mmCIF file of all heavy atoms, coordinates in Angstrom:
data_MODEL
# 
_entry.id   MODEL 
# 
loop_
_atom_site.group_PDB 
_atom_site.id 
_atom_site.type_symbol 
_atom_site.label_atom_id 
_atom_site.label_alt_id 
_atom_site.label_comp_id 
_atom_site.label_asym_id 
_atom_site.label_entity_id 
_atom_site.label_seq_id 
_atom_site.pdbx_PDB_ins_code 
_atom_site.Cartn_x 
_atom_site.Cartn_y 
_atom_site.Cartn_z 
_atom_site.occupancy 
_atom_site.B_iso_or_equiv 
_atom_site.pdbx_formal_charge 
_atom_site.auth_seq_id 
_atom_site.auth_comp_id 
_atom_site.auth_asym_id 
_atom_site.auth_atom_id 
_atom_site.pdbx_PDB_model_num 
ATOM 1   N N   . GLU A 1 1  ? -6.268  -5.510  12.446 1.00 0.00 ? 1  GLU A N   1 
ATOM 2   C CA  . GLU A 1 1  ? -7.658  -5.755  12.052 1.00 0.00 ? 1  GLU A CA  1 
ATOM 3   C C   . GLU A 1 1  ? -7.750  -6.925  11.079 1.00 0.00 ? 1  GLU A C   1 
ATOM 4   O O   . GLU A 1 1  ? -8.639  -7.777  11.186 1.00 0.00 ? 1  GLU A O   1 
ATOM 5   C CB  . GLU A 1 1  ? -8.241  -4.489  11.414 1.00 0.00 ? 1  GLU A CB  1 
ATOM 6   C CG  . GLU A 1 1  ? -9.680  -4.613  10.956 1.00 0.00 ? 1  GLU A CG  1 
ATOM 7   C CD  . GLU A 1 1  ? -10.645 -4.781  12.111 1.00 0.00 ? 1  GLU A CD  1 
ATOM 8   O OE1 . GLU A 1 1  ? -10.259 -4.510  13.266 1.00 0.00 ? 1  GLU A OE1 1 
ATOM 9   O OE2 . GLU A 1 1  ? -11.786 -5.197  11.850 1.00 0.00 ? 1  GLU A OE2 1 
ATOM 10  N N   . ILE A 1 2  ? -6.798  -6.999  10.134 1.00 0.00 ? 2  ILE A N   1 
ATOM 11  C CA  . ILE A 1 2  ? -6.790  -8.109  9.170  1.00 0.00 ? 2  ILE A CA  1 
ATOM 12  C C   . ILE A 1 2  ? -6.569  -9.430  9.881  1.00 0.00 ? 2  ILE A C   1 
ATOM 13  O O   . ILE A 1 2  ? -7.211  -10.449 9.570  1.00 0.00 ? 2  ILE A O   1 
ATOM 14  C CB  . ILE A 1 2  ? -5.716  -7.870  8.094  1.00 0.00 ? 2  ILE A CB  1 
ATOM 15  C CG1 . ILE A 1 2  ? -6.166  -6.739  7.154  1.00 0.00 ? 2  ILE A CG1 1 
ATOM 16  C CG2 . ILE A 1 2  ? -5.454  -9.135  7.286  1.00 0.00 ? 2  ILE A CG2 1 
ATOM 17  C CD1 . ILE A 1 2  ? -5.134  -6.333  6.134  1.00 0.00 ? 2  ILE A CD1 1 
ATOM 18  N N   . LEU A 1 3  ? -5.643  -9.436  10.861 1.00 0.00 ? 3  LEU A N   1 
ATOM 19  C CA  . LEU A 1 3  ? -5.393  -10.665 11.610 1.00 0.00 ? 3  LEU A CA  1 
ATOM 20  C C   . LEU A 1 3  ? -6.648  -11.118 12.358 1.00 0.00 ? 3  LEU A C   1 
ATOM 21  O O   . LEU A 1 3  ? -6.933  -12.324 12.445 1.00 0.00 ? 3  LEU A O   1 
ATOM 22  C CB  . LEU A 1 3  ? -4.245  -10.452 12.603 1.00 0.00 ? 3  LEU A CB  1 
ATOM 23  C CG  . LEU A 1 3  ? -2.841  -10.349 11.989 1.00 0.00 ? 3  LEU A CG  1 
ATOM 24  C CD1 . LEU A 1 3  ? -1.816  -10.001 13.058 1.00 0.00 ? 3  LEU A CD1 1 
ATOM 25  C CD2 . LEU A 1 3  ? -2.461  -11.659 11.289 1.00 0.00 ? 3  LEU A CD2 1 
ATOM 26  N N   . ARG A 1 4  ? -7.417  -10.176 12.868 1.00 0.00 ? 4  ARG A N   1 
ATOM 27  C CA  . ARG A 1 4  ? -8.630  -10.541 13.610 1.00 0.00 ? 4  ARG A CA  1 
ATOM 28  C C   . ARG A 1 4  ? -9.682  -11.158 12.678 1.00 0.00 ? 4  ARG A C   1 
ATOM 29  O O   . ARG A 1 4  ? -10.292 -12.183 12.999 1.00 0.00 ? 4  ARG A O   1 
ATOM 30  C CB  . ARG A 1 4  ? -9.211  -9.315  14.317 1.00 0.00 ? 4  ARG A CB  1 
ATOM 31  C CG  . ARG A 1 4  ? -8.462  -8.907  15.573 1.00 0.00 ? 4  ARG A CG  1 
ATOM 32  C CD  . ARG A 1 4  ? -9.272  -7.928  16.403 1.00 0.00 ? 4  ARG A CD  1 
ATOM 33  N NE  . ARG A 1 4  ? -9.470  -6.653  15.718 1.00 0.00 ? 4  ARG A NE  1 
ATOM 34  C CZ  . ARG A 1 4  ? -8.629  -5.625  15.817 1.00 0.00 ? 4  ARG A CZ  1 
ATOM 35  N NH1 . ARG A 1 4  ? -7.529  -5.731  16.557 1.00 0.00 ? 4  ARG A NH1 1 
ATOM 36  N NH2 . ARG A 1 4  ? -8.860  -4.506  15.166 1.00 0.00 ? 4  ARG A NH2 1 
ATOM 37  N N   . VAL A 1 5  ? -9.875  -10.552 11.525 1.00 0.00 ? 5  VAL A N   1 
ATOM 38  C CA  . VAL A 1 5  ? -10.909 -11.079 10.618 1.00 0.00 ? 5  VAL A CA  1 
ATOM 39  C C   . VAL A 1 5  ? -10.430 -12.310 9.864  1.00 0.00 ? 5  VAL A C   1 
ATOM 40  O O   . VAL A 1 5  ? -11.232 -13.104 9.378  1.00 0.00 ? 5  VAL A O   1 
ATOM 41  C CB  . VAL A 1 5  ? -11.362 -9.993  9.626  1.00 0.00 ? 5  VAL A CB  1 
ATOM 42  C CG1 . VAL A 1 5  ? -11.991 -8.831  10.356 1.00 0.00 ? 5  VAL A CG1 1 
ATOM 43  C CG2 . VAL A 1 5  ? -10.216 -9.530  8.742  1.00 0.00 ? 5  VAL A CG2 1 
ATOM 44  N N   . GLU A 1 6  ? -9.091  -12.481 9.756  1.00 0.00 ? 6  GLU A N   1 
ATOM 45  C CA  . GLU A 1 6  ? -8.544  -13.605 8.999  1.00 0.00 ? 6  GLU A CA  1 
ATOM 46  C C   . GLU A 1 6  ? -8.844  -14.948 9.671  1.00 0.00 ? 6  GLU A C   1 
ATOM 47  O O   . GLU A 1 6  ? -8.938  -15.984 8.997  1.00 0.00 ? 6  GLU A O   1 
ATOM 48  C CB  . GLU A 1 6  ? -7.029  -13.417 8.840  1.00 0.00 ? 6  GLU A CB  1 
ATOM 49  C CG  . GLU A 1 6  ? -6.363  -14.479 7.984  1.00 0.00 ? 6  GLU A CG  1 
ATOM 50  C CD  . GLU A 1 6  ? -4.854  -14.365 7.995  1.00 0.00 ? 6  GLU A CD  1 
ATOM 51  O OE1 . GLU A 1 6  ? -4.318  -13.594 8.810  1.00 0.00 ? 6  GLU A OE1 1 
ATOM 52  O OE2 . GLU A 1 6  ? -4.224  -15.052 7.193  1.00 0.00 ? 6  GLU A OE2 1 
ATOM 53  N N   . GLU A 1 7  ? -9.005  -14.940 11.000 1.00 0.00 ? 7  GLU A N   1 
ATOM 54  C CA  . GLU A 1 7  ? -9.177  -16.189 11.738 1.00 0.00 ? 7  GLU A CA  1 
ATOM 55  C C   . GLU A 1 7  ? -10.399 -16.986 11.270 1.00 0.00 ? 7  GLU A C   1 
ATOM 56  O O   . GLU A 1 7  ? -10.397 -18.211 11.301 1.00 0.00 ? 7  GLU A O   1 
ATOM 57  C CB  . GLU A 1 7  ? -9.298  -15.890 13.238 1.00 0.00 ? 7  GLU A CB  1 
ATOM 58  C CG  . GLU A 1 7  ? -8.026  -15.312 13.830 1.00 0.00 ? 7  GLU A CG  1 
ATOM 59  C CD  . GLU A 1 7  ? -8.205  -14.954 15.304 1.00 0.00 ? 7  GLU A CD  1 
ATOM 60  O OE1 . GLU A 1 7  ? -9.335  -15.105 15.802 1.00 0.00 ? 7  GLU A OE1 1 
ATOM 61  O OE2 . GLU A 1 7  ? -7.221  -14.530 15.929 1.00 0.00 ? 7  GLU A OE2 1 
ATOM 62  N N   . GLY A 1 8  ? -11.413 -16.304 10.781 1.00 0.00 ? 8  GLY A N   1 
ATOM 63  C CA  . GLY A 1 8  ? -12.628 -17.011 10.365 1.00 0.00 ? 8  GLY A CA  1 
ATOM 64  C C   . GLY A 1 8  ? -12.658 -17.393 8.902  1.00 0.00 ? 8  GLY A C   1 
ATOM 65  O O   . GLY A 1 8  ? -13.692 -17.870 8.420  1.00 0.00 ? 8  GLY A O   1 
ATOM 66  N N   . LEU A 1 9  ? -11.555 -17.208 8.166  1.00 0.00 ? 9  LEU A N   1 
ATOM 67  C CA  . LEU A 1 9  ? -11.551 -17.499 6.736  1.00 0.00 ? 9  LEU A CA  1 
ATOM 68  C C   . LEU A 1 9  ? -11.269 -18.971 6.459  1.00 0.00 ? 9  LEU A C   1 
ATOM 69  O O   . LEU A 1 9  ? -10.574 -19.653 7.223  1.00 0.00 ? 9  LEU A O   1 
ATOM 70  C CB  . LEU A 1 9  ? -10.493 -16.645 6.032  1.00 0.00 ? 9  LEU A CB  1 
ATOM 71  C CG  . LEU A 1 9  ? -10.664 -15.125 6.101  1.00 0.00 ? 9  LEU A CG  1 
ATOM 72  C CD1 . LEU A 1 9  ? -9.539  -14.445 5.333  1.00 0.00 ? 9  LEU A CD1 1 
ATOM 73  C CD2 . LEU A 1 9  ? -12.010 -14.691 5.545  1.00 0.00 ? 9  LEU A CD2 1 
ATOM 74  N N   . THR A 1 10 ? -11.789 -19.429 5.326  1.00 0.00 ? 10 THR A N   1 
ATOM 75  C CA  . THR A 1 10 ? -11.465 -20.776 4.863  1.00 0.00 ? 10 THR A CA  1 
ATOM 76  C C   . THR A 1 10 ? -10.085 -20.765 4.214  1.00 0.00 ? 10 THR A C   1 
ATOM 77  O O   . THR A 1 10 ? -9.490  -19.706 3.991  1.00 0.00 ? 10 THR A O   1 
ATOM 78  C CB  . THR A 1 10 ? -12.495 -21.254 3.839  1.00 0.00 ? 10 THR A CB  1 
ATOM 79  O OG1 . THR A 1 10 ? -12.418 -20.403 2.677  1.00 0.00 ? 10 THR A OG1 1 
ATOM 80  C CG2 . THR A 1 10 ? -13.913 -21.184 4.398  1.00 0.00 ? 10 THR A CG2 1 
ATOM 81  N N   . ARG A 1 11 ? -9.585  -21.962 3.861  1.00 0.00 ? 11 ARG A N   1 
ATOM 82  C CA  . ARG A 1 11 ? -8.271  -22.068 3.249  1.00 0.00 ? 11 ARG A CA  1 
ATOM 83  C C   . ARG A 1 11 ? -8.227  -21.310 1.924  1.00 0.00 ? 11 ARG A C   1 
ATOM 84  O O   . ARG A 1 11 ? -7.266  -20.574 1.645  1.00 0.00 ? 11 ARG A O   1 
ATOM 85  C CB  . ARG A 1 11 ? -7.923  -23.538 3.005  1.00 0.00 ? 11 ARG A CB  1 
ATOM 86  C CG  . ARG A 1 11 ? -6.563  -23.748 2.367  1.00 0.00 ? 11 ARG A CG  1 
ATOM 87  C CD  . ARG A 1 11 ? -5.452  -23.268 3.274  1.00 0.00 ? 11 ARG A CD  1 
ATOM 88  N NE  . ARG A 1 11 ? -4.151  -23.348 2.619  1.00 0.00 ? 11 ARG A NE  1 
ATOM 89  C CZ  . ARG A 1 11 ? -3.033  -22.908 3.143  1.00 0.00 ? 11 ARG A CZ  1 
ATOM 90  N NH1 . ARG A 1 11 ? -3.062  -22.309 4.326  1.00 0.00 ? 11 ARG A NH1 1 
ATOM 91  N NH2 . ARG A 1 11 ? -1.899  -23.028 2.509  1.00 0.00 ? 11 ARG A NH2 1 
ATOM 92  N N   . SER A 1 12 ? -9.242  -21.475 1.084  1.00 0.00 ? 12 SER A N   1 
ATOM 93  C CA  . SER A 1 12 ? -9.254  -20.812 -0.223 1.00 0.00 ? 12 SER A CA  1 
ATOM 94  C C   . SER A 1 12 ? -9.323  -19.292 -0.055 1.00 0.00 ? 12 SER A C   1 
ATOM 95  O O   . SER A 1 12 ? -8.726  -18.542 -0.835 1.00 0.00 ? 12 SER A O   1 
ATOM 96  C CB  . SER A 1 12 ? -10.433 -21.318 -1.068 1.00 0.00 ? 12 SER A CB  1 
ATOM 97  O OG  . SER A 1 12 ? -11.666 -21.017 -0.416 1.00 0.00 ? 12 SER A OG  1 
ATOM 98  N N   . GLN A 1 13 ? -10.043 -18.861 0.966  1.00 0.00 ? 13 GLN A N   1 
ATOM 99  C CA  . GLN A 1 13 ? -10.141 -17.421 1.217  1.00 0.00 ? 13 GLN A CA  1 
ATOM 100 C C   . GLN A 1 13 ? -8.794  -16.850 1.674  1.00 0.00 ? 13 GLN A C   1 
ATOM 101 O O   . GLN A 1 13 ? -8.410  -15.746 1.293  1.00 0.00 ? 13 GLN A O   1 
ATOM 102 C CB  . GLN A 1 13 ? -11.229 -17.140 2.247  1.00 0.00 ? 13 GLN A CB  1 
ATOM 103 C CG  . GLN A 1 13 ? -12.637 -17.397 1.731  1.00 0.00 ? 13 GLN A CG  1 
ATOM 104 C CD  . GLN A 1 13 ? -13.679 -17.352 2.822  1.00 0.00 ? 13 GLN A CD  1 
ATOM 105 O OE1 . GLN A 1 13 ? -13.360 -17.515 4.011  1.00 0.00 ? 13 GLN A OE1 1 
ATOM 106 N NE2 . GLN A 1 13 ? -14.939 -17.156 2.433  1.00 0.00 ? 13 GLN A NE2 1 
ATOM 107 N N   . LYS A 1 14 ? -8.067  -17.652 2.481  1.00 0.00 ? 14 LYS A N   1 
ATOM 108 C CA  . LYS A 1 14 ? -6.736  -17.207 2.921  1.00 0.00 ? 14 LYS A CA  1 
ATOM 109 C C   . LYS A 1 14 ? -5.767  -17.143 1.742  1.00 0.00 ? 14 LYS A C   1 
ATOM 110 O O   . LYS A 1 14 ? -4.915  -16.253 1.662  1.00 0.00 ? 14 LYS A O   1 
ATOM 111 C CB  . LYS A 1 14 ? -6.193  -18.134 3.999  1.00 0.00 ? 14 LYS A CB  1 
ATOM 112 C CG  . LYS A 1 14 ? -6.922  -18.001 5.328  1.00 0.00 ? 14 LYS A CG  1 
ATOM 113 C CD  . LYS A 1 14 ? -6.316  -18.918 6.382  1.00 0.00 ? 14 LYS A CD  1 
ATOM 114 C CE  . LYS A 1 14 ? -7.039  -18.747 7.721  1.00 0.00 ? 14 LYS A CE  1 
ATOM 115 N NZ  . LYS A 1 14 ? -6.480  -19.617 8.768  1.00 0.00 ? 14 LYS A NZ  1 
ATOM 116 N N   . ASP A 1 15 ? -5.900  -18.092 0.795  1.00 0.00 ? 15 ASP A N   1 
ATOM 117 C CA  . ASP A 1 15 ? -5.066  -18.052 -0.410 1.00 0.00 ? 15 ASP A CA  1 
ATOM 118 C C   . ASP A 1 15 ? -5.363  -16.779 -1.205 1.00 0.00 ? 15 ASP A C   1 
ATOM 119 O O   . ASP A 1 15 ? -4.453  -16.133 -1.745 1.00 0.00 ? 15 ASP A O   1 
ATOM 120 C CB  . ASP A 1 15 ? -5.331  -19.284 -1.280 1.00 0.00 ? 15 ASP A CB  1 
ATOM 121 C CG  . ASP A 1 15 ? -4.766  -20.548 -0.659 1.00 0.00 ? 15 ASP A CG  1 
ATOM 122 O OD1 . ASP A 1 15 ? -3.909  -20.437 0.244  1.00 0.00 ? 15 ASP A OD1 1 
ATOM 123 O OD2 . ASP A 1 15 ? -5.193  -21.646 -1.064 1.00 0.00 ? 15 ASP A OD2 1 
ATOM 124 N N   . ARG A 1 16 ? -6.622  -16.432 -1.287 1.00 0.00 ? 16 ARG A N   1 
ATOM 125 C CA  . ARG A 1 16 ? -7.022  -15.205 -1.980 1.00 0.00 ? 16 ARG A CA  1 
ATOM 126 C C   . ARG A 1 16 ? -6.417  -13.985 -1.293 1.00 0.00 ? 16 ARG A C   1 
ATOM 127 O O   . ARG A 1 16 ? -5.922  -13.053 -1.943 1.00 0.00 ? 16 ARG A O   1 
ATOM 128 C CB  . ARG A 1 16 ? -8.552  -15.111 -1.975 1.00 0.00 ? 16 ARG A CB  1 
ATOM 129 C CG  . ARG A 1 16 ? -9.143  -13.763 -2.357 1.00 0.00 ? 16 ARG A CG  1 
ATOM 130 C CD  . ARG A 1 16 ? -8.853  -13.382 -3.761 1.00 0.00 ? 16 ARG A CD  1 
ATOM 131 N NE  . ARG A 1 16 ? -9.491  -12.107 -4.111 1.00 0.00 ? 16 ARG A NE  1 
ATOM 132 C CZ  . ARG A 1 16 ? -9.074  -11.305 -5.055 1.00 0.00 ? 16 ARG A CZ  1 
ATOM 133 N NH1 . ARG A 1 16 ? -8.012  -11.617 -5.783 1.00 0.00 ? 16 ARG A NH1 1 
ATOM 134 N NH2 . ARG A 1 16 ? -9.708  -10.181 -5.325 1.00 0.00 ? 16 ARG A NH2 1 
ATOM 135 N N   . LEU A 1 17 ? -6.418  -13.999 0.038  1.00 0.00 ? 17 LEU A N   1 
ATOM 136 C CA  . LEU A 1 17 ? -5.833  -12.903 0.809  1.00 0.00 ? 17 LEU A CA  1 
ATOM 137 C C   . LEU A 1 17 ? -4.339  -12.777 0.530  1.00 0.00 ? 17 LEU A C   1 
ATOM 138 O O   . LEU A 1 17 ? -3.794  -11.685 0.378  1.00 0.00 ? 17 LEU A O   1 
ATOM 139 C CB  . LEU A 1 17 ? -6.086  -13.133 2.302  1.00 0.00 ? 17 LEU A CB  1 
ATOM 140 C CG  . LEU A 1 17 ? -5.576  -12.059 3.269  1.00 0.00 ? 17 LEU A CG  1 
ATOM 141 C CD1 . LEU A 1 17 ? -6.258  -10.733 3.004  1.00 0.00 ? 17 LEU A CD1 1 
ATOM 142 C CD2 . LEU A 1 17 ? -5.813  -12.491 4.718  1.00 0.00 ? 17 LEU A CD2 1 
ATOM 143 N N   . TYR A 1 18 ? -3.663  -13.941 0.420  1.00 0.00 ? 18 TYR A N   1 
ATOM 144 C CA  . TYR A 1 18 ? -2.222  -13.949 0.146  1.00 0.00 ? 18 TYR A CA  1 
ATOM 145 C C   . TYR A 1 18 ? -1.932  -13.324 -1.222 1.00 0.00 ? 18 TYR A C   1 
ATOM 146 O O   . TYR A 1 18 ? -1.004  -12.523 -1.378 1.00 0.00 ? 18 TYR A O   1 
ATOM 147 C CB  . TYR A 1 18 ? -1.713  -15.387 0.191  1.00 0.00 ? 18 TYR A CB  1 
ATOM 148 C CG  . TYR A 1 18 ? -0.275  -15.537 -0.262 1.00 0.00 ? 18 TYR A CG  1 
ATOM 149 C CD1 . TYR A 1 18 ? 0.786   -15.143 0.558  1.00 0.00 ? 18 TYR A CD1 1 
ATOM 150 C CD2 . TYR A 1 18 ? 0.028   -16.064 -1.524 1.00 0.00 ? 18 TYR A CD2 1 
ATOM 151 C CE1 . TYR A 1 18 ? 2.101   -15.269 0.134  1.00 0.00 ? 18 TYR A CE1 1 
ATOM 152 C CE2 . TYR A 1 18 ? 1.330   -16.201 -1.953 1.00 0.00 ? 18 TYR A CE2 1 
ATOM 153 C CZ  . TYR A 1 18 ? 2.363   -15.792 -1.120 1.00 0.00 ? 18 TYR A CZ  1 
ATOM 154 O OH  . TYR A 1 18 ? 3.659   -15.909 -1.550 1.00 0.00 ? 18 TYR A OH  1 
ATOM 155 N N   . VAL A 1 19 ? -2.744  -13.663 -2.217 1.00 0.00 ? 19 VAL A N   1 
ATOM 156 C CA  . VAL A 1 19 ? -2.554  -13.109 -3.563 1.00 0.00 ? 19 VAL A CA  1 
ATOM 157 C C   . VAL A 1 19 ? -2.712  -11.588 -3.550 1.00 0.00 ? 19 VAL A C   1 
ATOM 158 O O   . VAL A 1 19 ? -1.940  -10.853 -4.174 1.00 0.00 ? 19 VAL A O   1 
ATOM 159 C CB  . VAL A 1 19 ? -3.568  -13.744 -4.544 1.00 0.00 ? 19 VAL A CB  1 
ATOM 160 C CG1 . VAL A 1 19 ? -3.541  -13.013 -5.884 1.00 0.00 ? 19 VAL A CG1 1 
ATOM 161 C CG2 . VAL A 1 19 ? -3.241  -15.213 -4.750 1.00 0.00 ? 19 VAL A CG2 1 
ATOM 162 N N   . LEU A 1 20 ? -3.709  -11.124 -2.810 1.00 0.00 ? 20 LEU A N   1 
ATOM 163 C CA  . LEU A 1 20 ? -3.932  -9.686  -2.741 1.00 0.00 ? 20 LEU A CA  1 
ATOM 164 C C   . LEU A 1 20 ? -2.762  -8.967  -2.061 1.00 0.00 ? 20 LEU A C   1 
ATOM 165 O O   . LEU A 1 20 ? -2.367  -7.865  -2.469 1.00 0.00 ? 20 LEU A O   1 
ATOM 166 C CB  . LEU A 1 20 ? -5.240  -9.391  -1.994 1.00 0.00 ? 20 LEU A CB  1 
ATOM 167 C CG  . LEU A 1 20 ? -6.517  -9.798  -2.730 1.00 0.00 ? 20 LEU A CG  1 
ATOM 168 C CD1 . LEU A 1 20 ? -7.735  -9.614  -1.825 1.00 0.00 ? 20 LEU A CD1 1 
ATOM 169 C CD2 . LEU A 1 20 ? -6.693  -8.981  -4.002 1.00 0.00 ? 20 LEU A CD2 1 
ATOM 170 N N   . PHE A 1 21 ? -2.191  -9.582  -1.031 1.00 0.00 ? 21 PHE A N   1 
ATOM 171 C CA  . PHE A 1 21 ? -1.047  -8.973  -0.352 1.00 0.00 ? 21 PHE A CA  1 
ATOM 172 C C   . PHE A 1 21 ? 0.163   -8.901  -1.283 1.00 0.00 ? 21 PHE A C   1 
ATOM 173 O O   . PHE A 1 21 ? 0.935   -7.944  -1.236 1.00 0.00 ? 21 PHE A O   1 
ATOM 174 C CB  . PHE A 1 21 ? -0.690  -9.756  0.911  1.00 0.00 ? 21 PHE A CB  1 
ATOM 175 C CG  . PHE A 1 21 ? -1.266  -9.160  2.162  1.00 0.00 ? 21 PHE A CG  1 
ATOM 176 C CD1 . PHE A 1 21 ? -2.243  -9.830  2.876  1.00 0.00 ? 21 PHE A CD1 1 
ATOM 177 C CD2 . PHE A 1 21 ? -0.857  -7.919  2.605  1.00 0.00 ? 21 PHE A CD2 1 
ATOM 178 C CE1 . PHE A 1 21 ? -2.781  -9.263  4.025  1.00 0.00 ? 21 PHE A CE1 1 
ATOM 179 C CE2 . PHE A 1 21 ? -1.387  -7.355  3.747  1.00 0.00 ? 21 PHE A CE2 1 
ATOM 180 C CZ  . PHE A 1 21 ? -2.359  -8.027  4.454  1.00 0.00 ? 21 PHE A CZ  1 
ATOM 181 N N   . ARG A 1 22 ? 0.324   -9.929  -2.129 1.00 0.00 ? 22 ARG A N   1 
ATOM 182 C CA  . ARG A 1 22 ? 1.443   -9.909  -3.064 1.00 0.00 ? 22 ARG A CA  1 
ATOM 183 C C   . ARG A 1 22 ? 1.304   -8.745  -4.042 1.00 0.00 ? 22 ARG A C   1 
ATOM 184 O O   . ARG A 1 22 ? 2.301   -8.191  -4.509 1.00 0.00 ? 22 ARG A O   1 
ATOM 185 C CB  . ARG A 1 22 ? 1.509   -11.228 -3.839 1.00 0.00 ? 22 ARG A CB  1 
ATOM 186 C CG  . ARG A 1 22 ? 1.985   -12.405 -3.033 1.00 0.00 ? 22 ARG A CG  1 
ATOM 187 C CD  . ARG A 1 22 ? 3.429   -12.235 -2.573 1.00 0.00 ? 22 ARG A CD  1 
ATOM 188 N NE  . ARG A 1 22 ? 4.334   -12.055 -3.690 1.00 0.00 ? 22 ARG A NE  1 
ATOM 189 C CZ  . ARG A 1 22 ? 4.950   -13.065 -4.316 1.00 0.00 ? 22 ARG A CZ  1 
ATOM 190 N NH1 . ARG A 1 22 ? 4.761   -14.303 -3.912 1.00 0.00 ? 22 ARG A NH1 1 
ATOM 191 N NH2 . ARG A 1 22 ? 5.774   -12.827 -5.328 1.00 0.00 ? 22 ARG A NH2 1 
ATOM 192 N N   . GLN A 1 23 ? 0.095   -8.339  -4.314 1.00 0.00 ? 23 GLN A N   1 
ATOM 193 C CA  . GLN A 1 23 ? -0.128  -7.210  -5.211 1.00 0.00 ? 23 GLN A CA  1 
ATOM 194 C C   . GLN A 1 23 ? 0.373   -5.895  -4.614 1.00 0.00 ? 23 GLN A C   1 
ATOM 195 O O   . GLN A 1 23 ? 0.603   -4.920  -5.327 1.00 0.00 ? 23 GLN A O   1 
ATOM 196 C CB  . GLN A 1 23 ? -1.617  -7.077  -5.532 1.00 0.00 ? 23 GLN A CB  1 
ATOM 197 C CG  . GLN A 1 23 ? -2.173  -8.216  -6.367 1.00 0.00 ? 23 GLN A CG  1 
ATOM 198 C CD  . GLN A 1 23 ? -3.660  -8.070  -6.597 1.00 0.00 ? 23 GLN A CD  1 
ATOM 199 O OE1 . GLN A 1 23 ? -4.272  -7.116  -6.140 1.00 0.00 ? 23 GLN A OE1 1 
ATOM 200 N NE2 . GLN A 1 23 ? -4.246  -9.023  -7.313 1.00 0.00 ? 23 GLN A NE2 1 
ATOM 201 N N   . ALA A 1 24 ? 0.516   -5.890  -3.290 1.00 0.00 ? 24 ALA A N   1 
ATOM 202 C CA  . ALA A 1 24 ? 0.948   -4.665  -2.615 1.00 0.00 ? 24 ALA A CA  1 
ATOM 203 C C   . ALA A 1 24 ? 2.443   -4.401  -2.767 1.00 0.00 ? 24 ALA A C   1 
ATOM 204 O O   . ALA A 1 24 ? 2.920   -3.304  -2.473 1.00 0.00 ? 24 ALA A O   1 
ATOM 205 C CB  . ALA A 1 24 ? 0.597   -4.730  -1.127 1.00 0.00 ? 24 ALA A CB  1 
ATOM 206 N N   . GLU A 1 25 ? 3.186   -5.433  -3.237 1.00 0.00 ? 25 GLU A N   1 
ATOM 207 C CA  . GLU A 1 25 ? 4.631   -5.266  -3.386 1.00 0.00 ? 25 GLU A CA  1 
ATOM 208 C C   . GLU A 1 25 ? 4.925   -4.164  -4.413 1.00 0.00 ? 25 GLU A C   1 
ATOM 209 O O   . GLU A 1 25 ? 4.396   -4.157  -5.515 1.00 0.00 ? 25 GLU A O   1 
ATOM 210 C CB  . GLU A 1 25 ? 5.276   -6.580  -3.814 1.00 0.00 ? 25 GLU A CB  1 
ATOM 211 C CG  . GLU A 1 25 ? 5.166   -7.678  -2.753 1.00 0.00 ? 25 GLU A CG  1 
ATOM 212 C CD  . GLU A 1 25 ? 5.798   -8.986  -3.214 1.00 0.00 ? 25 GLU A CD  1 
ATOM 213 O OE1 . GLU A 1 25 ? 6.345   -9.004  -4.331 1.00 0.00 ? 25 GLU A OE1 1 
ATOM 214 O OE2 . GLU A 1 25 ? 5.733   -9.966  -2.455 1.00 0.00 ? 25 GLU A OE2 1 
# 
């Protein structure tokens, strides 16, 4: 589901997504 919605994100939004995923570690 994340991969499907990620396609429409801007670069800055994808960077934000990356930061949030790092929090999951």
